Amino acid sequence: MKALREEFNKNLFIPGKKEGLNVELDKAIHLRDFILMGELIAYDALHRNESCGGHFREEYQTEEGEAKRDDENFFYVGCWEYQGNDTTAPVLNKEPLEYEAIKVQTR
C-alpha cells in the first residue's frame, strides 16, 4: 500500500488550467484520500490478532469458520491517524467499548 501511495504521489499529473474549477484536481484529491484510507484499514487489519467486525483473518477463526475474537486485547474502537503528513507510520488512538444493554459474547 505504501508503495502504491508513493507511486501515485510521484507520477501524479493533473491536466487542466489553474483558473476556475479543475474537476481533474478534485478527482485526484479524492483518489489520494481513498488510497490513504485503504492503507489505514490495512494497518488496522494487520494490527489486530483476531477476527472481528469487518476484519476476518483465516488464522483467527473457530473450527466452524466463525470469527475468533480477542476481547481481552482488542475490545476498543481503533482510529488510525497520520500526524503531520503521511510519510511516517500512522498512530493508533483507542476508544474503549462500553456496552450496557447487551452482553458481548462469541456466536
N, C-alpha and C. Protein backbone atom coordinates (compact mmCIF):
# COMPACT_ATOMS: atom_id res chain seq x y z
N MET A 1 0.83 -1.20 0.00
CA MET A 1 0.00 0.00 0.00
C MET A 1 0.88 1.26 0.00
N LYS A 2 1.92 1.24 0.82
CA LYS A 2 2.80 2.40 0.87
C LYS A 2 3.44 2.65 -0.50
N ALA A 3 3.87 1.59 -1.16
CA ALA A 3 4.50 1.73 -2.49
C ALA A 3 3.50 2.31 -3.49
N LEU A 4 2.25 1.88 -3.41
CA LEU A 4 1.21 2.41 -4.30
C LEU A 4 1.02 3.91 -4.06
N ARG A 5 0.97 4.30 -2.78
CA ARG A 5 0.81 5.71 -2.44
C ARG A 5 2.00 6.53 -2.95
N GLU A 6 3.21 6.01 -2.74
CA GLU A 6 4.40 6.73 -3.19
C GLU A 6 4.43 6.86 -4.71
N GLU A 7 4.03 5.81 -5.41
CA GLU A 7 3.98 5.87 -6.88
C GLU A 7 2.94 6.89 -7.34
N PHE A 8 1.79 6.89 -6.69
CA PHE A 8 0.74 7.87 -7.02
C PHE A 8 1.27 9.29 -6.85
N ASN A 9 1.90 9.56 -5.69
CA ASN A 9 2.42 10.90 -5.42
C ASN A 9 3.51 11.30 -6.42
N LYS A 10 4.34 10.35 -6.78
CA LYS A 10 5.47 10.63 -7.68
C LYS A 10 5.01 10.88 -9.12
N ASN A 11 4.06 10.10 -9.60
CA ASN A 11 3.67 10.14 -11.01
C ASN A 11 2.38 10.91 -11.28
N LEU A 12 1.85 11.59 -10.28
CA LEU A 12 0.59 12.30 -10.44
C LEU A 12 0.72 13.43 -11.47
N PHE A 13 -0.19 13.45 -12.41
CA PHE A 13 -0.30 14.54 -13.39
C PHE A 13 -1.75 14.97 -13.43
N ILE A 14 -1.97 16.24 -13.24
CA ILE A 14 -3.33 16.77 -13.24
C ILE A 14 -3.48 17.74 -14.40
N PRO A 15 -4.22 17.35 -15.44
CA PRO A 15 -4.43 18.26 -16.57
C PRO A 15 -5.40 19.37 -16.19
N GLY A 16 -5.40 20.39 -16.97
CA GLY A 16 -6.35 21.48 -16.74
C GLY A 16 -5.64 22.80 -16.55
N LYS A 17 -6.42 23.82 -16.25
CA LYS A 17 -5.90 25.17 -16.06
C LYS A 17 -6.08 25.58 -14.61
N LYS A 18 -5.24 26.51 -14.18
CA LYS A 18 -5.33 26.95 -12.79
C LYS A 18 -6.53 27.87 -12.55
N GLU A 19 -7.12 28.40 -13.59
CA GLU A 19 -8.29 29.26 -13.44
C GLU A 19 -9.55 28.40 -13.39
N GLY A 20 -10.44 28.74 -12.49
CA GLY A 20 -11.72 28.04 -12.42
C GLY A 20 -11.62 26.68 -11.74
N LEU A 21 -12.72 25.99 -11.76
CA LEU A 21 -12.83 24.67 -11.14
C LEU A 21 -12.09 23.63 -11.98
N ASN A 22 -11.23 22.88 -11.34
CA ASN A 22 -10.50 21.82 -12.03
C ASN A 22 -11.03 20.48 -11.54
N VAL A 23 -11.88 19.87 -12.32
CA VAL A 23 -12.51 18.60 -11.96
C VAL A 23 -11.46 17.51 -11.78
N GLU A 24 -10.41 17.53 -12.60
CA GLU A 24 -9.36 16.52 -12.50
C GLU A 24 -8.61 16.62 -11.18
N LEU A 25 -8.40 17.83 -10.69
CA LEU A 25 -7.77 18.03 -9.39
C LEU A 25 -8.64 17.45 -8.29
N ASP A 26 -9.94 17.69 -8.38
CA ASP A 26 -10.88 17.14 -7.41
C ASP A 26 -10.84 15.61 -7.41
N LYS A 27 -10.78 15.01 -8.58
CA LYS A 27 -10.69 13.55 -8.69
C LYS A 27 -9.40 13.04 -8.07
N ALA A 28 -8.30 13.73 -8.31
CA ALA A 28 -7.00 13.31 -7.77
C ALA A 28 -7.00 13.38 -6.24
N ILE A 29 -7.59 14.43 -5.69
CA ILE A 29 -7.67 14.56 -4.24
C ILE A 29 -8.48 13.42 -3.65
N HIS A 30 -9.62 13.10 -4.26
CA HIS A 30 -10.45 12.00 -3.77
C HIS A 30 -9.73 10.66 -3.89
N LEU A 31 -9.05 10.44 -4.99
CA LEU A 31 -8.31 9.19 -5.16
C LEU A 31 -7.22 9.05 -4.11
N ARG A 32 -6.51 10.14 -3.83
CA ARG A 32 -5.47 10.10 -2.80
C ARG A 32 -6.10 9.79 -1.44
N ASP A 33 -7.24 10.37 -1.13
CA ASP A 33 -7.94 10.07 0.12
C ASP A 33 -8.29 8.58 0.20
N PHE A 34 -8.76 8.00 -0.90
CA PHE A 34 -9.11 6.58 -0.92
C PHE A 34 -7.87 5.71 -0.69
N ILE A 35 -6.74 6.10 -1.28
CA ILE A 35 -5.50 5.34 -1.09
C ILE A 35 -5.08 5.39 0.38
N LEU A 36 -5.13 6.58 0.98
CA LEU A 36 -4.77 6.72 2.39
C LEU A 36 -5.72 5.92 3.28
N MET A 37 -7.01 5.98 3.00
CA MET A 37 -7.99 5.23 3.79
C MET A 37 -7.74 3.73 3.68
N GLY A 38 -7.47 3.25 2.47
CA GLY A 38 -7.17 1.83 2.29
C GLY A 38 -5.94 1.41 3.07
N GLU A 39 -4.94 2.27 3.10
CA GLU A 39 -3.73 1.96 3.86
C GLU A 39 -4.02 1.88 5.36
N LEU A 40 -4.83 2.80 5.86
CA LEU A 40 -5.17 2.77 7.28
C LEU A 40 -6.01 1.55 7.64
N ILE A 41 -6.92 1.15 6.77
CA ILE A 41 -7.71 -0.06 7.00
C ILE A 41 -6.79 -1.28 7.04
N ALA A 42 -5.81 -1.33 6.15
CA ALA A 42 -4.85 -2.44 6.14
C ALA A 42 -4.01 -2.44 7.42
N TYR A 43 -3.57 -1.26 7.89
CA TYR A 43 -2.83 -1.18 9.15
C TYR A 43 -3.65 -1.79 10.28
N ASP A 44 -4.92 -1.41 10.36
CA ASP A 44 -5.78 -1.90 11.43
C ASP A 44 -5.98 -3.40 11.33
N ALA A 45 -6.22 -3.89 10.13
CA ALA A 45 -6.45 -5.33 9.94
C ALA A 45 -5.22 -6.14 10.34
N LEU A 46 -4.03 -5.66 9.97
CA LEU A 46 -2.80 -6.38 10.30
C LEU A 46 -2.44 -6.24 11.77
N HIS A 47 -2.86 -5.15 12.39
CA HIS A 47 -2.57 -4.92 13.81
C HIS A 47 -3.38 -5.85 14.71
N ARG A 48 -4.60 -6.14 14.32
CA ARG A 48 -5.48 -6.96 15.16
C ARG A 48 -5.19 -8.44 14.97
N ASN A 49 -4.86 -9.10 16.07
CA ASN A 49 -4.64 -10.55 16.05
C ASN A 49 -5.93 -11.24 16.44
N GLU A 50 -6.95 -11.02 15.63
CA GLU A 50 -8.27 -11.56 15.87
C GLU A 50 -9.10 -11.37 14.61
N SER A 51 -10.30 -11.94 14.63
CA SER A 51 -11.31 -11.65 13.60
C SER A 51 -12.46 -10.97 14.32
N CYS A 52 -12.88 -9.83 13.81
CA CYS A 52 -13.95 -9.10 14.47
C CYS A 52 -14.50 -8.05 13.53
N GLY A 53 -15.80 -7.88 13.52
CA GLY A 53 -16.41 -6.85 12.69
C GLY A 53 -16.07 -7.03 11.23
N GLY A 54 -15.52 -6.00 10.63
CA GLY A 54 -15.16 -6.04 9.21
C GLY A 54 -13.84 -6.73 8.94
N HIS A 55 -13.13 -7.14 9.98
CA HIS A 55 -11.83 -7.79 9.81
C HIS A 55 -11.96 -9.29 10.07
N PHE A 56 -11.77 -10.08 9.04
CA PHE A 56 -11.78 -11.54 9.21
C PHE A 56 -10.44 -12.07 8.73
N ARG A 57 -9.74 -12.74 9.63
CA ARG A 57 -8.45 -13.33 9.29
C ARG A 57 -8.58 -14.84 9.42
N GLU A 58 -8.16 -15.55 8.39
CA GLU A 58 -8.30 -17.01 8.37
C GLU A 58 -7.62 -17.67 9.55
N GLU A 59 -6.51 -17.11 10.01
CA GLU A 59 -5.79 -17.73 11.12
C GLU A 59 -6.47 -17.49 12.47
N TYR A 60 -7.51 -16.65 12.49
CA TYR A 60 -8.27 -16.40 13.71
C TYR A 60 -9.74 -16.72 13.47
N GLN A 61 -10.04 -18.01 13.40
CA GLN A 61 -11.41 -18.46 13.23
C GLN A 61 -11.60 -19.75 14.01
N THR A 62 -12.84 -20.03 14.36
CA THR A 62 -13.15 -21.27 15.07
C THR A 62 -13.15 -22.43 14.08
N GLU A 63 -13.27 -23.63 14.59
CA GLU A 63 -13.33 -24.81 13.71
C GLU A 63 -14.54 -24.75 12.80
N GLU A 64 -15.59 -24.06 13.23
CA GLU A 64 -16.81 -23.92 12.44
C GLU A 64 -16.70 -22.78 11.42
N GLY A 65 -15.59 -22.06 11.41
CA GLY A 65 -15.40 -20.97 10.47
C GLY A 65 -15.92 -19.62 10.94
N GLU A 66 -16.29 -19.54 12.22
CA GLU A 66 -16.77 -18.27 12.78
C GLU A 66 -15.59 -17.41 13.23
N ALA A 67 -15.83 -16.12 13.34
CA ALA A 67 -14.79 -15.19 13.79
C ALA A 67 -14.35 -15.53 15.21
N LYS A 68 -13.05 -15.51 15.43
CA LYS A 68 -12.48 -15.76 16.75
C LYS A 68 -11.94 -14.44 17.28
N ARG A 69 -12.68 -13.86 18.23
CA ARG A 69 -12.31 -12.55 18.78
C ARG A 69 -11.32 -12.69 19.93
N ASP A 70 -10.66 -11.58 20.23
CA ASP A 70 -9.76 -11.48 21.37
C ASP A 70 -10.15 -10.21 22.13
N ASP A 71 -11.25 -10.32 22.89
CA ASP A 71 -11.77 -9.15 23.59
C ASP A 71 -10.82 -8.66 24.69
N GLU A 72 -9.98 -9.53 25.19
CA GLU A 72 -9.04 -9.12 26.24
C GLU A 72 -8.05 -8.07 25.73
N ASN A 73 -7.62 -8.21 24.50
CA ASN A 73 -6.61 -7.31 23.95
C ASN A 73 -7.13 -6.30 22.93
N PHE A 74 -8.32 -6.55 22.37
CA PHE A 74 -8.79 -5.69 21.28
C PHE A 74 -10.22 -5.21 21.47
N PHE A 75 -10.65 -4.99 22.69
CA PHE A 75 -12.01 -4.53 22.96
C PHE A 75 -12.03 -2.99 22.97
N TYR A 76 -11.86 -2.42 21.80
CA TYR A 76 -11.84 -0.97 21.65
C TYR A 76 -12.14 -0.61 20.19
N VAL A 77 -12.46 0.65 19.98
CA VAL A 77 -12.57 1.19 18.63
C VAL A 77 -11.21 1.79 18.31
N GLY A 78 -10.63 1.38 17.20
CA GLY A 78 -9.33 1.90 16.81
C GLY A 78 -9.48 2.98 15.75
N CYS A 79 -8.78 4.08 15.96
CA CYS A 79 -8.80 5.18 14.99
C CYS A 79 -7.36 5.53 14.66
N TRP A 80 -6.96 5.21 13.44
CA TRP A 80 -5.60 5.49 12.99
C TRP A 80 -5.54 6.88 12.38
N GLU A 81 -4.43 7.57 12.61
CA GLU A 81 -4.27 8.89 12.01
C GLU A 81 -2.82 9.15 11.65
N TYR A 82 -2.66 9.91 10.59
CA TYR A 82 -1.35 10.42 10.22
C TYR A 82 -1.16 11.73 10.97
N GLN A 83 -0.03 11.91 11.63
CA GLN A 83 0.22 13.14 12.36
C GLN A 83 1.22 13.98 11.58
N GLY A 84 0.77 15.08 11.05
CA GLY A 84 1.63 15.97 10.29
C GLY A 84 1.57 15.69 8.81
N ASN A 85 2.03 14.52 8.40
CA ASN A 85 1.98 14.14 6.98
C ASN A 85 1.88 12.63 6.89
N ASP A 86 1.79 12.13 5.67
CA ASP A 86 1.59 10.69 5.50
C ASP A 86 2.89 9.96 5.17
N THR A 87 4.05 10.55 5.51
CA THR A 87 5.31 9.87 5.23
C THR A 87 5.79 9.05 6.42
N THR A 88 5.17 9.23 7.58
CA THR A 88 5.51 8.43 8.75
C THR A 88 4.39 7.44 9.02
N ALA A 89 4.69 6.46 9.85
CA ALA A 89 3.68 5.45 10.19
C ALA A 89 2.53 6.11 10.95
N PRO A 90 1.31 5.67 10.71
CA PRO A 90 0.17 6.25 11.42
C PRO A 90 0.19 5.87 12.90
N VAL A 91 -0.51 6.64 13.70
CA VAL A 91 -0.61 6.44 15.14
C VAL A 91 -2.00 5.90 15.45
N LEU A 92 -2.06 4.91 16.36
CA LEU A 92 -3.33 4.32 16.76
C LEU A 92 -3.89 5.02 17.99
N ASN A 93 -5.11 5.51 17.89
CA ASN A 93 -5.85 6.04 19.04
C ASN A 93 -6.92 5.03 19.39
N LYS A 94 -7.08 4.75 20.69
CA LYS A 94 -8.05 3.74 21.13
C LYS A 94 -9.16 4.38 21.95
N GLU A 95 -10.38 3.94 21.67
CA GLU A 95 -11.53 4.36 22.46
C GLU A 95 -12.20 3.10 22.98
N PRO A 96 -12.27 2.93 24.31
CA PRO A 96 -12.84 1.69 24.86
C PRO A 96 -14.32 1.53 24.51
N LEU A 97 -14.72 0.29 24.34
CA LEU A 97 -16.13 -0.01 24.08
C LEU A 97 -16.84 -0.24 25.41
N GLU A 98 -18.03 0.30 25.54
CA GLU A 98 -18.83 0.12 26.74
C GLU A 98 -20.24 -0.29 26.33
N TYR A 99 -20.63 -1.49 26.71
CA TYR A 99 -21.96 -1.99 26.40
C TYR A 99 -22.75 -2.12 27.70
N GLU A 100 -23.94 -1.56 27.73
CA GLU A 100 -24.79 -1.66 28.91
C GLU A 100 -26.01 -2.54 28.66
N ALA A 101 -26.54 -2.51 27.45
CA ALA A 101 -27.80 -3.20 27.15
C ALA A 101 -27.60 -4.65 26.71
N ILE A 102 -26.40 -5.00 26.28
CA ILE A 102 -26.16 -6.37 25.81
C ILE A 102 -24.91 -6.94 26.45
N LYS A 103 -24.83 -8.26 26.45
CA LYS A 103 -23.64 -8.95 26.92
C LYS A 103 -22.85 -9.36 25.68
N VAL A 104 -21.60 -8.93 25.61
CA VAL A 104 -20.76 -9.26 24.46
C VAL A 104 -20.32 -10.71 24.59
N GLN A 105 -20.53 -11.48 23.52
CA GLN A 105 -20.16 -12.89 23.54
C GLN A 105 -19.90 -13.38 22.13
N THR A 106 -19.17 -14.49 22.05
CA THR A 106 -18.91 -15.12 20.76
C THR A 106 -20.17 -15.84 20.30
N ARG A 107 -20.39 -15.85 18.98
CA ARG A 107 -21.58 -16.54 18.45
C ARG A 107 -21.55 -18.00 18.78
